[in-house]
Amino acid sequence: MNRSVEIIKILRKGMETMLGDGESVRVNYTRIFNFNEKRVSLRMETSEGNGVFVPMGRVDVFEIPTNNGRVTCSCLLTEMETGRSERVILRLKNSQEREKECEKVFGFFRKILAIPEVKPLDGGFSSSSRGAHQQDDPSG
């Protein structure tokens, strides 16, 4: 569960950074430990301005044991308002992978909060630049 706690810390820091530019959104975080299920969860509540905090989402992190030196975690992402959930697998060997893999979680919560992605993760190539390219000259 040590790695699960580390992942929760990274996710919380990332969420704080992602929401840091928001002028009116405040977030409360609660860590929940379930030792029987070997799960660590991060529950988030949001508030607009000085309004009441309402449940926004939850990340449940389960560490999956591996023997290849990589840390693998299964994360269940849940949107509290609709109950919609998504499972992602995070494979973490080094800090670069950690940042890239955690982006899977941030993408889910960006959709909930309607926060645009600030920077592309694939070195500046957008998904629209991949695939077949059109030619202006039909002769080739």
N, C-alpha and C. Protein backbone atom coordinates (compact mmCIF):
# COMPACT_ATOMS: atom_id res chain seq x y z
N MET A 1 0.81 -1.20 0.00
CA MET A 1 0.00 0.00 0.00
C MET A 1 0.85 1.26 0.00
N ASN A 2 2.15 1.12 0.21
CA ASN A 2 3.01 2.29 0.23
C ASN A 2 2.97 3.04 -1.09
N ARG A 3 3.00 2.30 -2.20
CA ARG A 3 2.96 2.95 -3.52
C ARG A 3 1.61 3.60 -3.77
N SER A 4 0.55 2.98 -3.27
CA SER A 4 -0.78 3.58 -3.43
C SER A 4 -0.85 4.93 -2.75
N VAL A 5 -0.26 5.03 -1.57
CA VAL A 5 -0.23 6.30 -0.85
C VAL A 5 0.56 7.33 -1.65
N GLU A 6 1.70 6.90 -2.23
CA GLU A 6 2.51 7.79 -3.05
C GLU A 6 1.72 8.28 -4.26
N ILE A 7 0.97 7.39 -4.90
CA ILE A 7 0.16 7.76 -6.06
C ILE A 7 -0.90 8.78 -5.66
N ILE A 8 -1.54 8.57 -4.53
CA ILE A 8 -2.56 9.50 -4.05
C ILE A 8 -1.95 10.88 -3.82
N LYS A 9 -0.74 10.93 -3.25
CA LYS A 9 -0.06 12.22 -3.04
C LYS A 9 0.19 12.92 -4.37
N ILE A 10 0.67 12.16 -5.35
CA ILE A 10 0.95 12.72 -6.68
C ILE A 10 -0.34 13.23 -7.31
N LEU A 11 -1.40 12.44 -7.22
CA LEU A 11 -2.68 12.84 -7.80
C LEU A 11 -3.25 14.09 -7.13
N ARG A 12 -3.13 14.15 -5.82
CA ARG A 12 -3.63 15.33 -5.12
C ARG A 12 -2.85 16.58 -5.54
N LYS A 13 -1.54 16.46 -5.59
CA LYS A 13 -0.71 17.60 -5.99
C LYS A 13 -1.06 18.02 -7.42
N GLY A 14 -1.25 17.04 -8.29
CA GLY A 14 -1.62 17.35 -9.67
C GLY A 14 -2.98 18.02 -9.77
N MET A 15 -3.93 17.54 -8.98
CA MET A 15 -5.26 18.16 -8.97
C MET A 15 -5.17 19.59 -8.46
N GLU A 16 -4.37 19.81 -7.41
CA GLU A 16 -4.21 21.16 -6.88
C GLU A 16 -3.58 22.08 -7.92
N THR A 17 -2.61 21.57 -8.65
CA THR A 17 -1.97 22.36 -9.70
C THR A 17 -2.96 22.66 -10.82
N MET A 18 -3.72 21.63 -11.22
CA MET A 18 -4.70 21.79 -12.29
C MET A 18 -5.76 22.81 -11.91
N LEU A 19 -6.18 22.80 -10.66
CA LEU A 19 -7.23 23.71 -10.20
C LEU A 19 -6.69 25.04 -9.69
N GLY A 20 -5.37 25.14 -9.56
CA GLY A 20 -4.76 26.34 -9.00
C GLY A 20 -5.08 27.60 -9.75
N ASP A 21 -5.26 27.50 -11.06
CA ASP A 21 -5.56 28.68 -11.86
C ASP A 21 -7.02 29.08 -11.78
N GLY A 22 -7.87 28.17 -11.32
CA GLY A 22 -9.29 28.47 -11.19
C GLY A 22 -9.52 29.49 -10.09
N GLU A 23 -10.18 30.57 -10.41
CA GLU A 23 -10.36 31.64 -9.45
C GLU A 23 -11.40 31.31 -8.38
N SER A 24 -12.45 30.59 -8.77
CA SER A 24 -13.55 30.45 -7.83
C SER A 24 -13.75 29.02 -7.33
N VAL A 25 -13.03 28.05 -7.83
CA VAL A 25 -13.23 26.67 -7.42
C VAL A 25 -12.31 26.33 -6.25
N ARG A 26 -12.93 25.82 -5.18
CA ARG A 26 -12.17 25.35 -4.03
C ARG A 26 -12.40 23.85 -3.90
N VAL A 27 -11.38 23.13 -3.40
CA VAL A 27 -11.49 21.68 -3.29
C VAL A 27 -11.06 21.24 -1.90
N ASN A 28 -11.84 20.34 -1.31
CA ASN A 28 -11.47 19.65 -0.08
C ASN A 28 -11.08 18.23 -0.46
N TYR A 29 -10.00 17.72 0.12
CA TYR A 29 -9.53 16.38 -0.14
C TYR A 29 -9.60 15.55 1.13
N THR A 30 -10.01 14.29 1.00
CA THR A 30 -10.02 13.37 2.12
C THR A 30 -9.38 12.06 1.67
N ARG A 31 -8.33 11.64 2.38
CA ARG A 31 -7.72 10.33 2.11
C ARG A 31 -8.43 9.28 2.95
N ILE A 32 -8.72 8.15 2.34
CA ILE A 32 -9.40 7.06 3.02
C ILE A 32 -8.55 5.81 2.85
N PHE A 33 -8.21 5.16 3.97
CA PHE A 33 -7.43 3.94 3.94
C PHE A 33 -8.34 2.75 4.24
N ASN A 34 -8.29 1.72 3.39
CA ASN A 34 -9.01 0.48 3.63
C ASN A 34 -7.97 -0.63 3.63
N PHE A 35 -7.50 -1.02 4.81
CA PHE A 35 -6.43 -2.00 4.92
C PHE A 35 -6.90 -3.41 4.55
N ASN A 36 -8.18 -3.71 4.75
CA ASN A 36 -8.69 -5.03 4.38
C ASN A 36 -8.64 -5.26 2.87
N GLU A 37 -8.96 -4.22 2.11
CA GLU A 37 -8.95 -4.32 0.65
C GLU A 37 -7.63 -3.84 0.04
N LYS A 38 -6.70 -3.39 0.87
CA LYS A 38 -5.42 -2.84 0.40
C LYS A 38 -5.66 -1.74 -0.62
N ARG A 39 -6.51 -0.78 -0.21
CA ARG A 39 -6.92 0.31 -1.09
C ARG A 39 -6.72 1.63 -0.37
N VAL A 40 -6.28 2.63 -1.13
CA VAL A 40 -6.21 4.00 -0.65
C VAL A 40 -7.06 4.83 -1.60
N SER A 41 -7.89 5.70 -1.03
CA SER A 41 -8.79 6.50 -1.85
C SER A 41 -8.58 7.98 -1.58
N LEU A 42 -8.88 8.77 -2.58
CA LEU A 42 -8.87 10.22 -2.45
C LEU A 42 -10.25 10.71 -2.87
N ARG A 43 -10.96 11.30 -1.91
CA ARG A 43 -12.30 11.82 -2.17
C ARG A 43 -12.18 13.33 -2.28
N MET A 44 -12.84 13.90 -3.30
CA MET A 44 -12.74 15.33 -3.54
C MET A 44 -14.12 15.96 -3.53
N GLU A 45 -14.22 17.10 -2.87
CA GLU A 45 -15.43 17.90 -2.84
C GLU A 45 -15.07 19.28 -3.36
N THR A 46 -15.96 19.87 -4.16
CA THR A 46 -15.69 21.19 -4.72
C THR A 46 -16.74 22.20 -4.26
N SER A 47 -16.33 23.45 -4.32
CA SER A 47 -17.21 24.55 -3.97
C SER A 47 -16.93 25.71 -4.92
N GLU A 48 -17.98 26.33 -5.40
CA GLU A 48 -17.84 27.53 -6.22
C GLU A 48 -17.86 28.73 -5.29
N GLY A 49 -16.82 29.54 -5.33
CA GLY A 49 -16.76 30.72 -4.47
C GLY A 49 -16.85 30.33 -3.01
N ASN A 50 -17.77 30.93 -2.30
CA ASN A 50 -17.98 30.63 -0.88
C ASN A 50 -19.16 29.68 -0.66
N GLY A 51 -19.55 28.96 -1.71
CA GLY A 51 -20.70 28.06 -1.62
C GLY A 51 -20.41 26.81 -0.81
N VAL A 52 -21.41 25.97 -0.74
CA VAL A 52 -21.34 24.71 -0.02
C VAL A 52 -20.50 23.71 -0.81
N PHE A 53 -19.71 22.90 -0.11
CA PHE A 53 -18.93 21.86 -0.77
C PHE A 53 -19.84 20.70 -1.14
N VAL A 54 -19.70 20.23 -2.39
CA VAL A 54 -20.47 19.08 -2.86
C VAL A 54 -19.49 18.02 -3.37
N PRO A 55 -19.83 16.74 -3.20
CA PRO A 55 -18.95 15.68 -3.68
C PRO A 55 -18.72 15.79 -5.19
N MET A 56 -17.45 15.70 -5.60
CA MET A 56 -17.10 15.81 -7.01
C MET A 56 -16.64 14.48 -7.56
N GLY A 57 -15.67 13.85 -6.90
CA GLY A 57 -15.13 12.62 -7.44
C GLY A 57 -14.31 11.86 -6.42
N ARG A 58 -13.93 10.67 -6.84
CA ARG A 58 -13.16 9.81 -5.96
C ARG A 58 -12.22 8.96 -6.81
N VAL A 59 -11.02 8.76 -6.29
CA VAL A 59 -10.03 7.89 -6.92
C VAL A 59 -9.71 6.79 -5.92
N ASP A 60 -9.94 5.54 -6.33
CA ASP A 60 -9.58 4.38 -5.50
C ASP A 60 -8.35 3.74 -6.13
N VAL A 61 -7.28 3.62 -5.37
CA VAL A 61 -6.01 3.09 -5.89
C VAL A 61 -5.71 1.75 -5.22
N PHE A 62 -5.56 0.73 -6.07
CA PHE A 62 -5.21 -0.61 -5.62
C PHE A 62 -3.85 -0.94 -6.21
N GLU A 63 -2.88 -1.28 -5.39
CA GLU A 63 -1.56 -1.65 -5.89
C GLU A 63 -1.59 -3.09 -6.37
N ILE A 64 -1.06 -3.32 -7.57
CA ILE A 64 -1.00 -4.66 -8.15
C ILE A 64 0.44 -5.12 -8.06
N PRO A 65 0.71 -6.22 -7.36
CA PRO A 65 2.09 -6.68 -7.24
C PRO A 65 2.62 -7.20 -8.58
N THR A 66 3.87 -6.81 -8.89
CA THR A 66 4.54 -7.30 -10.10
C THR A 66 5.94 -7.73 -9.73
N ASN A 67 6.56 -8.47 -10.61
CA ASN A 67 7.93 -8.92 -10.34
C ASN A 67 8.93 -8.35 -11.35
N ASN A 68 8.52 -7.34 -12.11
CA ASN A 68 9.42 -6.77 -13.12
C ASN A 68 10.00 -5.42 -12.73
N GLY A 69 9.85 -5.01 -11.49
CA GLY A 69 10.43 -3.74 -11.04
C GLY A 69 9.54 -2.54 -11.27
N ARG A 70 8.45 -2.71 -11.99
CA ARG A 70 7.53 -1.61 -12.23
C ARG A 70 6.42 -1.66 -11.19
N VAL A 71 5.97 -0.52 -10.80
CA VAL A 71 4.81 -0.45 -9.90
C VAL A 71 3.58 -0.30 -10.78
N THR A 72 2.60 -1.12 -10.54
CA THR A 72 1.36 -1.04 -11.30
C THR A 72 0.23 -0.85 -10.31
N CYS A 73 -0.62 0.11 -10.62
CA CYS A 73 -1.77 0.38 -9.78
C CYS A 73 -3.03 0.39 -10.64
N SER A 74 -4.08 -0.17 -10.09
CA SER A 74 -5.39 -0.11 -10.72
C SER A 74 -6.14 1.02 -10.03
N CYS A 75 -6.66 1.95 -10.81
CA CYS A 75 -7.37 3.09 -10.25
C CYS A 75 -8.81 3.08 -10.75
N LEU A 76 -9.72 3.18 -9.83
CA LEU A 76 -11.13 3.33 -10.18
C LEU A 76 -11.49 4.79 -9.97
N LEU A 77 -11.86 5.47 -11.05
CA LEU A 77 -12.20 6.89 -11.01
C LEU A 77 -13.72 6.99 -11.02
N THR A 78 -14.28 7.74 -10.10
CA THR A 78 -15.73 7.83 -10.00
C THR A 78 -16.15 9.29 -9.95
N GLU A 79 -17.12 9.65 -10.79
CA GLU A 79 -17.75 10.95 -10.73
C GLU A 79 -18.94 10.82 -9.78
N MET A 80 -18.95 11.58 -8.71
CA MET A 80 -19.94 11.40 -7.66
C MET A 80 -21.36 11.80 -8.09
N GLU A 81 -21.50 12.83 -8.90
CA GLU A 81 -22.83 13.31 -9.26
C GLU A 81 -23.61 12.29 -10.09
N THR A 82 -22.92 11.68 -11.07
CA THR A 82 -23.61 10.75 -11.98
C THR A 82 -23.37 9.28 -11.62
N GLY A 83 -22.34 9.02 -10.84
CA GLY A 83 -21.98 7.64 -10.53
C GLY A 83 -21.14 6.99 -11.62
N ARG A 84 -20.85 7.73 -12.69
CA ARG A 84 -20.05 7.21 -13.80
C ARG A 84 -18.65 6.90 -13.30
N SER A 85 -18.13 5.75 -13.71
CA SER A 85 -16.78 5.39 -13.27
C SER A 85 -15.98 4.84 -14.44
N GLU A 86 -14.69 4.87 -14.26
CA GLU A 86 -13.75 4.41 -15.28
C GLU A 86 -12.56 3.80 -14.57
N ARG A 87 -12.07 2.69 -15.08
CA ARG A 87 -10.90 2.05 -14.49
C ARG A 87 -9.70 2.31 -15.40
N VAL A 88 -8.60 2.75 -14.79
CA VAL A 88 -7.35 2.93 -15.52
C VAL A 88 -6.25 2.19 -14.78
N ILE A 89 -5.29 1.74 -15.55
CA ILE A 89 -4.12 1.07 -14.99
C ILE A 89 -2.94 2.03 -15.12
N LEU A 90 -2.24 2.27 -14.02
CA LEU A 90 -1.06 3.12 -14.03
C LEU A 90 0.17 2.24 -13.88
N ARG A 91 1.10 2.36 -14.81
CA ARG A 91 2.36 1.62 -14.75
C ARG A 91 3.47 2.62 -14.51
N LEU A 92 4.13 2.49 -13.37
CA LEU A 92 5.04 3.53 -12.93
C LEU A 92 6.42 2.96 -12.65
N LYS A 93 7.39 3.34 -13.46
CA LYS A 93 8.75 2.90 -13.21
C LYS A 93 9.64 4.06 -12.80
N ASN A 94 9.42 5.22 -13.42
CA ASN A 94 10.23 6.39 -13.10
C ASN A 94 9.33 7.63 -13.10
N SER A 95 9.92 8.77 -12.76
CA SER A 95 9.11 9.99 -12.61
C SER A 95 8.50 10.45 -13.93
N GLN A 96 9.17 10.22 -15.05
CA GLN A 96 8.61 10.62 -16.35
C GLN A 96 7.36 9.79 -16.65
N GLU A 97 7.44 8.48 -16.43
CA GLU A 97 6.28 7.63 -16.63
C GLU A 97 5.17 8.01 -15.67
N ARG A 98 5.53 8.32 -14.46
CA ARG A 98 4.55 8.67 -13.42
C ARG A 98 3.71 9.85 -13.88
N GLU A 99 4.37 10.88 -14.39
CA GLU A 99 3.66 12.08 -14.83
C GLU A 99 2.73 11.76 -16.00
N LYS A 100 3.24 11.00 -16.96
CA LYS A 100 2.44 10.64 -18.14
C LYS A 100 1.26 9.77 -17.75
N GLU A 101 1.48 8.79 -16.92
CA GLU A 101 0.43 7.86 -16.52
C GLU A 101 -0.64 8.56 -15.67
N CYS A 102 -0.23 9.44 -14.78
CA CYS A 102 -1.20 10.14 -13.93
C CYS A 102 -2.09 11.07 -14.75
N GLU A 103 -1.64 11.45 -15.93
CA GLU A 103 -2.44 12.30 -16.81
C GLU A 103 -3.75 11.60 -17.18
N LYS A 104 -3.76 10.26 -17.18
CA LYS A 104 -4.99 9.51 -17.44
C LYS A 104 -6.06 9.88 -16.41
N VAL A 105 -5.65 10.02 -15.17
CA VAL A 105 -6.57 10.37 -14.09
C VAL A 105 -7.01 11.82 -14.22
N PHE A 106 -6.06 12.72 -14.49
CA PHE A 106 -6.39 14.13 -14.60
C PHE A 106 -7.37 14.38 -15.75
N GLY A 107 -7.22 13.65 -16.85
CA GLY A 107 -8.13 13.79 -17.99
C GLY A 107 -9.57 13.51 -17.60
N PHE A 108 -9.77 12.50 -16.79
CA PHE A 108 -11.12 12.14 -16.32
C PHE A 108 -11.73 13.30 -15.53
N PHE A 109 -10.96 13.87 -14.62
CA PHE A 109 -11.49 14.95 -13.78
C PHE A 109 -11.56 16.28 -14.51
N ARG A 110 -10.74 16.48 -15.54
CA ARG A 110 -10.87 17.69 -16.37
C ARG A 110 -12.24 17.71 -17.03
N LYS A 111 -12.68 16.52 -17.49
CA LYS A 111 -14.00 16.45 -18.14
C LYS A 111 -15.10 16.82 -17.15
N ILE A 112 -15.01 16.33 -15.93
CA ILE A 112 -16.02 16.63 -14.91
C ILE A 112 -16.06 18.13 -14.62
N LEU A 113 -14.89 18.73 -14.49
CA LEU A 113 -14.80 20.14 -14.12
C LEU A 113 -14.78 21.08 -15.31
N ALA A 114 -14.80 20.51 -16.53
CA ALA A 114 -14.75 21.30 -17.77
C ALA A 114 -13.52 22.21 -17.81
N ILE A 115 -12.36 21.63 -17.46
CA ILE A 115 -11.09 22.35 -17.49
C ILE A 115 -10.34 21.91 -18.75
N PRO A 116 -9.95 22.85 -19.62
CA PRO A 116 -9.21 22.46 -20.82
C PRO A 116 -7.81 21.98 -20.48
N GLU A 117 -7.29 21.09 -21.33
CA GLU A 117 -5.92 20.61 -21.14
C GLU A 117 -4.97 21.72 -21.52
N VAL A 118 -3.96 21.95 -20.69
CA VAL A 118 -3.06 23.07 -20.88
C VAL A 118 -1.97 22.76 -21.89
N LYS A 119 -1.38 21.58 -21.80
CA LYS A 119 -0.26 21.25 -22.69
C LYS A 119 -0.42 19.82 -23.18
N PRO A 120 -0.01 19.56 -24.43
CA PRO A 120 -0.07 18.19 -24.91
C PRO A 120 1.01 17.35 -24.24
N LEU A 121 0.71 16.09 -24.04
CA LEU A 121 1.66 15.20 -23.37
C LEU A 121 2.56 14.45 -24.35
N ASP A 122 2.25 14.52 -25.64
CA ASP A 122 2.98 13.70 -26.59
C ASP A 122 4.04 14.49 -27.34
N GLY A 123 4.66 15.43 -26.71
CA GLY A 123 5.75 16.18 -27.31
C GLY A 123 5.30 17.23 -28.29
N GLY A 124 4.05 17.68 -28.19
CA GLY A 124 3.59 18.75 -29.05
C GLY A 124 2.81 18.28 -30.25
N PHE A 125 2.65 16.98 -30.44
CA PHE A 125 1.90 16.47 -31.57
C PHE A 125 0.46 16.26 -31.12
N SER A 126 -0.46 16.90 -31.81
CA SER A 126 -1.86 16.70 -31.45
C SER A 126 -2.35 15.44 -32.13
N SER A 127 -3.44 14.89 -31.64
CA SER A 127 -3.96 13.66 -32.21
C SER A 127 -4.41 13.87 -33.64
N SER A 128 -4.75 15.09 -34.02
CA SER A 128 -5.18 15.35 -35.38
C SER A 128 -4.02 15.31 -36.37
N SER A 129 -2.78 15.34 -35.91
CA SER A 129 -1.65 15.33 -36.83
C SER A 129 -1.20 13.91 -37.15
N ARG A 130 -1.81 12.92 -36.51
CA ARG A 130 -1.45 11.54 -36.78
C ARG A 130 -2.33 10.97 -37.88
N GLY A 131 -1.84 9.95 -38.54
CA GLY A 131 -2.65 9.27 -39.55
C GLY A 131 -2.26 9.72 -40.93
N ALA A 132 -3.15 9.46 -41.88
CA ALA A 132 -2.87 9.76 -43.28
C ALA A 132 -2.84 11.26 -43.52
N HIS A 133 -1.92 11.68 -44.35
CA HIS A 133 -1.80 13.09 -44.70
C HIS A 133 -2.38 13.29 -46.09
N GLN A 134 -3.08 14.39 -46.28
CA GLN A 134 -3.66 14.69 -47.59
C GLN A 134 -2.61 15.34 -48.47
N GLN A 135 -2.69 15.05 -49.75
CA GLN A 135 -1.78 15.67 -50.71
C GLN A 135 -2.56 16.68 -51.55
N ASP A 136 -1.93 17.81 -51.83
CA ASP A 136 -2.57 18.83 -52.67
C ASP A 136 -2.60 18.40 -54.12
N ASP A 137 -1.54 17.73 -54.58
CA ASP A 137 -1.42 17.32 -55.96
C ASP A 137 -1.88 15.87 -56.07
N PRO A 138 -3.02 15.60 -56.75
CA PRO A 138 -3.52 14.23 -56.81
C PRO A 138 -2.61 13.29 -57.60
N SER A 139 -1.67 13.81 -58.39
CA SER A 139 -0.80 12.94 -59.17
C SER A 139 0.30 12.32 -58.31
N GLY A 140 0.43 12.76 -57.10
CA GLY A 140 1.36 12.09 -56.21
C GLY A 140 2.46 12.93 -55.78
